[in-house]
Amino acid sequence: MDIGKKLKELRLQNDLTLDDLASRSELTKGFLSQVERNLTTPSIATLEDILEALGSNLSEFFREEPEEQVVFSTQDFFVDEQEDYTIEWVIPNAQKNEMEPILLTLHPHKKSQEMIAYRGEEFGYVLKGTVTLVCGNKRYKLKAQETFYLEGKKSHYLYNHGSSDARILWITTPPMF
């Protein structure tokens, strides 16, 4: 762990200058600067004083948070192939998140699963092909590079009225797939 870097980040999160922290911790600005640049190492007692001035403590400071995965590759995707369509969950365990993005490949003249009315929102981007968004008794035709956005108040689904596979990035909040 880079103690100096972490102390500096904590100081900046608290919107404090080195002068402010020096005043609060009763240490010199020069000493704190050296600590932040890892030119000197504070004693445990001094580190406790610095952390107290920053509104933290040793336990919180040294707690290692597991690093969240930010980038995902196709090896991380979960694929569910149905007769009419294929769903690729592009974020593993997205059900625990606030939104759920999927890649939907919809075969020609087939429809997606019907989304029953719910409290939430959806966004879709047609990557390839043409589809019809059927929402209640309304129909909206979309082609590649067009989007849809709707609230989940009415049951709805996508229908591929084209002669080749359509591919859609579909995002729901909360997760619905």
Foldseek 3Di string as FASTA:
>chain_A
DLQLCLLVVLCVVLVHDLVQLCVQLVHDSVVNVCSNVVVDPDDQVSVQSSQVSSVHGPVVSPDDDPDDDDDFDQVQWDWDDDPFKIKIFRHPPLLVPQKTKIKIKGFAQGKDDKQAADFWKKKKAWQAAKKWKCWPPDIDIDGHGDMDMDGRRTIIIIGHNDNGIIIMTMMIGPDDD
